[in-house]
């Protein structure tokens, strides 16, 4: 599964990044690079991802590496989906 576009759309919507949407790709750095992404908005993004996919993340599954880039966040979602669908 490739959730990159969905995760990108969730980020754009949650962080109100519409003006920069065209510049976001799998290599876009997130945590520490997007001023809009802080500890509160990380939680909001996770909640939106959980609701969109019907997933539940444990706190231990969320760390700085997950939010390093848009690609790493999407890869985490893909791994969670693959594990959930087994």
C-alpha atoms as a PDB file:
ATOM      1  CA  UNK A   1       0.000   0.000   0.000  1.00  0.00           C
ATOM      2  CA  UNK A   2       1.195   3.516  -0.670  1.00  0.00           C
ATOM      3  CA  UNK A   3      -0.369   6.092   1.596  1.00  0.00           C
ATOM      4  CA  UNK A   4       1.894   8.995   0.592  1.00  0.00           C
ATOM      5  CA  UNK A   5      -0.796  11.063  -1.153  1.00  0.00           C
ATOM      6  CA  UNK A   6      -3.362  10.517   1.605  1.00  0.00           C
ATOM      7  CA  UNK A   7      -0.865  11.373   4.345  1.00  0.00           C
ATOM      8  CA  UNK A   8       0.204  14.457   2.385  1.00  0.00           C
ATOM      9  CA  UNK A   9      -3.443  15.546   2.114  1.00  0.00           C
ATOM     10  CA  UNK A  10      -3.927  15.002   5.856  1.00  0.00           C
ATOM     11  CA  UNK A  11      -0.858  17.115   6.627  1.00  0.00           C
ATOM     12  CA  UNK A  12      -1.986  19.870   4.280  1.00  0.00           C
ATOM     13  CA  UNK A  13      -5.439  19.950   5.794  1.00  0.00           C
ATOM     14  CA  UNK A  14      -4.416  19.619   9.442  1.00  0.00           C
ATOM     15  CA  UNK A  15      -1.546  22.108   9.275  1.00  0.00           C
ATOM     16  CA  UNK A  16      -3.245  24.413   6.760  1.00  0.00           C
ATOM     17  CA  UNK A  17      -0.391  24.121   4.260  1.00  0.00           C
ATOM     18  CA  UNK A  18      -2.468  24.709   1.142  1.00  0.00           C
ATOM     19  CA  UNK A  19      -0.125  27.446  -0.117  1.00  0.00           C
ATOM     20  CA  UNK A  20       2.847  25.055   0.040  1.00  0.00           C
ATOM     21  CA  UNK A  21       1.065  21.886  -1.068  1.00  0.00           C
ATOM     22  CA  UNK A  22       2.824  21.692  -4.426  1.00  0.00           C
ATOM     23  CA  UNK A  23       6.249  21.747  -2.748  1.00  0.00           C
ATOM     24  CA  UNK A  24       5.579  18.794  -0.428  1.00  0.00           C
ATOM     25  CA  UNK A  25       6.994  15.426  -1.453  1.00  0.00           C
ATOM     26  CA  UNK A  26       8.306  12.278   0.202  1.00  0.00           C
ATOM     27  CA  UNK A  27      11.647  13.981   0.945  1.00  0.00           C
ATOM     28  CA  UNK A  28      10.122  17.022   2.647  1.00  0.00           C
ATOM     29  CA  UNK A  29      11.481  17.366   6.163  1.00  0.00           C
ATOM     30  CA  UNK A  30       8.753  17.690   8.779  1.00  0.00           C
ATOM     31  CA  UNK A  31       9.642  17.840  12.463  1.00  0.00           C
ATOM     32  CA  UNK A  32      11.942  20.786  13.056  1.00  0.00           C
ATOM     33  CA  UNK A  33      11.440  22.107   9.524  1.00  0.00           C
ATOM     34  CA  UNK A  34       7.750  22.967   9.417  1.00  0.00           C
ATOM     35  CA  UNK A  35       6.946  25.706  11.914  1.00  0.00           C
ATOM     36  CA  UNK A  36       3.331  24.510  11.906  1.00  0.00           C
ATOM     37  CA  UNK A  37       4.347  21.077  13.207  1.00  0.00           C
ATOM     38  CA  UNK A  38       4.788  21.052  16.972  1.00  0.00           C
ATOM     39  CA  UNK A  39       3.875  18.621  19.745  1.00  0.00           C
ATOM     40  CA  UNK A  40       0.196  19.567  19.615  1.00  0.00           C
ATOM     41  CA  UNK A  41      -0.128  19.368  15.846  1.00  0.00           C
ATOM     42  CA  UNK A  42       1.738  16.034  15.795  1.00  0.00           C
ATOM     43  CA  UNK A  43      -1.088  14.666  17.933  1.00  0.00           C
ATOM     44  CA  UNK A  44      -3.674  16.208  15.614  1.00  0.00           C
ATOM     45  CA  UNK A  45      -1.999  14.649  12.564  1.00  0.00           C
ATOM     46  CA  UNK A  46      -1.907  11.229  14.239  1.00  0.00           C
ATOM     47  CA  UNK A  47      -5.584  11.509  15.196  1.00  0.00           C
ATOM     48  CA  UNK A  48      -6.506  12.424  11.616  1.00  0.00           C
ATOM     49  CA  UNK A  49      -4.473   9.493  10.252  1.00  0.00           C
ATOM     50  CA  UNK A  50      -6.090   7.134  12.758  1.00  0.00           C
ATOM     51  CA  UNK A  51      -9.562   8.322  11.793  1.00  0.00           C
ATOM     52  CA  UNK A  52      -8.845   8.209   8.061  1.00  0.00           C
ATOM     53  CA  UNK A  53      -7.478   4.651   8.104  1.00  0.00           C
ATOM     54  CA  UNK A  54      -9.249   3.227  11.135  1.00  0.00           C
ATOM     55  CA  UNK A  55      -5.918   2.651  12.863  1.00  0.00           C
ATOM     56  CA  UNK A  56      -4.733   3.055  16.427  1.00  0.00           C
ATOM     57  CA  UNK A  57      -1.147   4.032  17.187  1.00  0.00           C
ATOM     58  CA  UNK A  58       0.460   3.350  20.547  1.00  0.00           C
ATOM     59  CA  UNK A  59       2.476   6.211  22.000  1.00  0.00           C
ATOM     60  CA  UNK A  60       5.601   4.042  21.689  1.00  0.00           C
ATOM     61  CA  UNK A  61       5.135   3.886  17.901  1.00  0.00           C
ATOM     62  CA  UNK A  62       5.407   7.658  17.474  1.00  0.00           C
ATOM     63  CA  UNK A  63       8.829   9.289  17.600  1.00  0.00           C
ATOM     64  CA  UNK A  64      10.999  11.810  15.806  1.00  0.00           C
ATOM     65  CA  UNK A  65      12.043   9.280  13.172  1.00  0.00           C
ATOM     66  CA  UNK A  66       8.424   8.766  12.145  1.00  0.00           C
ATOM     67  CA  UNK A  67       8.021  12.507  11.591  1.00  0.00           C
ATOM     68  CA  UNK A  68      11.440  13.031   9.991  1.00  0.00           C
ATOM     69  CA  UNK A  69      10.026  13.338   6.463  1.00  0.00           C
ATOM     70  CA  UNK A  70       6.704  13.003   4.717  1.00  0.00           C
ATOM     71  CA  UNK A  71       8.021   9.727   3.298  1.00  0.00           C
ATOM     72  CA  UNK A  72       8.907   8.316   6.720  1.00  0.00           C
ATOM     73  CA  UNK A  73       5.458   9.196   8.037  1.00  0.00           C
ATOM     74  CA  UNK A  74       3.775   7.555   5.047  1.00  0.00           C
ATOM     75  CA  UNK A  75       6.025   4.482   5.398  1.00  0.00           C
ATOM     76  CA  UNK A  76       4.993   4.160   9.052  1.00  0.00           C
ATOM     77  CA  UNK A  77       1.332   4.298   8.034  1.00  0.00           C
ATOM     78  CA  UNK A  78       1.970   1.675   5.310  1.00  0.00           C
ATOM     79  CA  UNK A  79       3.687  -0.621   7.823  1.00  0.00           C
ATOM     80  CA  UNK A  80       0.834  -0.202  10.295  1.00  0.00           C
ATOM     81  CA  UNK A  81      -1.725  -0.936   7.577  1.00  0.00           C
ATOM     82  CA  UNK A  82       0.158  -4.034   6.428  1.00  0.00           C
ATOM     83  CA  UNK A  83       0.379  -5.307   9.990  1.00  0.00           C
ATOM     84  CA  UNK A  84      -3.290  -4.557  10.669  1.00  0.00           C
ATOM     85  CA  UNK A  85      -4.477  -6.316   7.497  1.00  0.00           C
ATOM     86  CA  UNK A  86      -2.716  -9.617   8.318  1.00  0.00           C
END
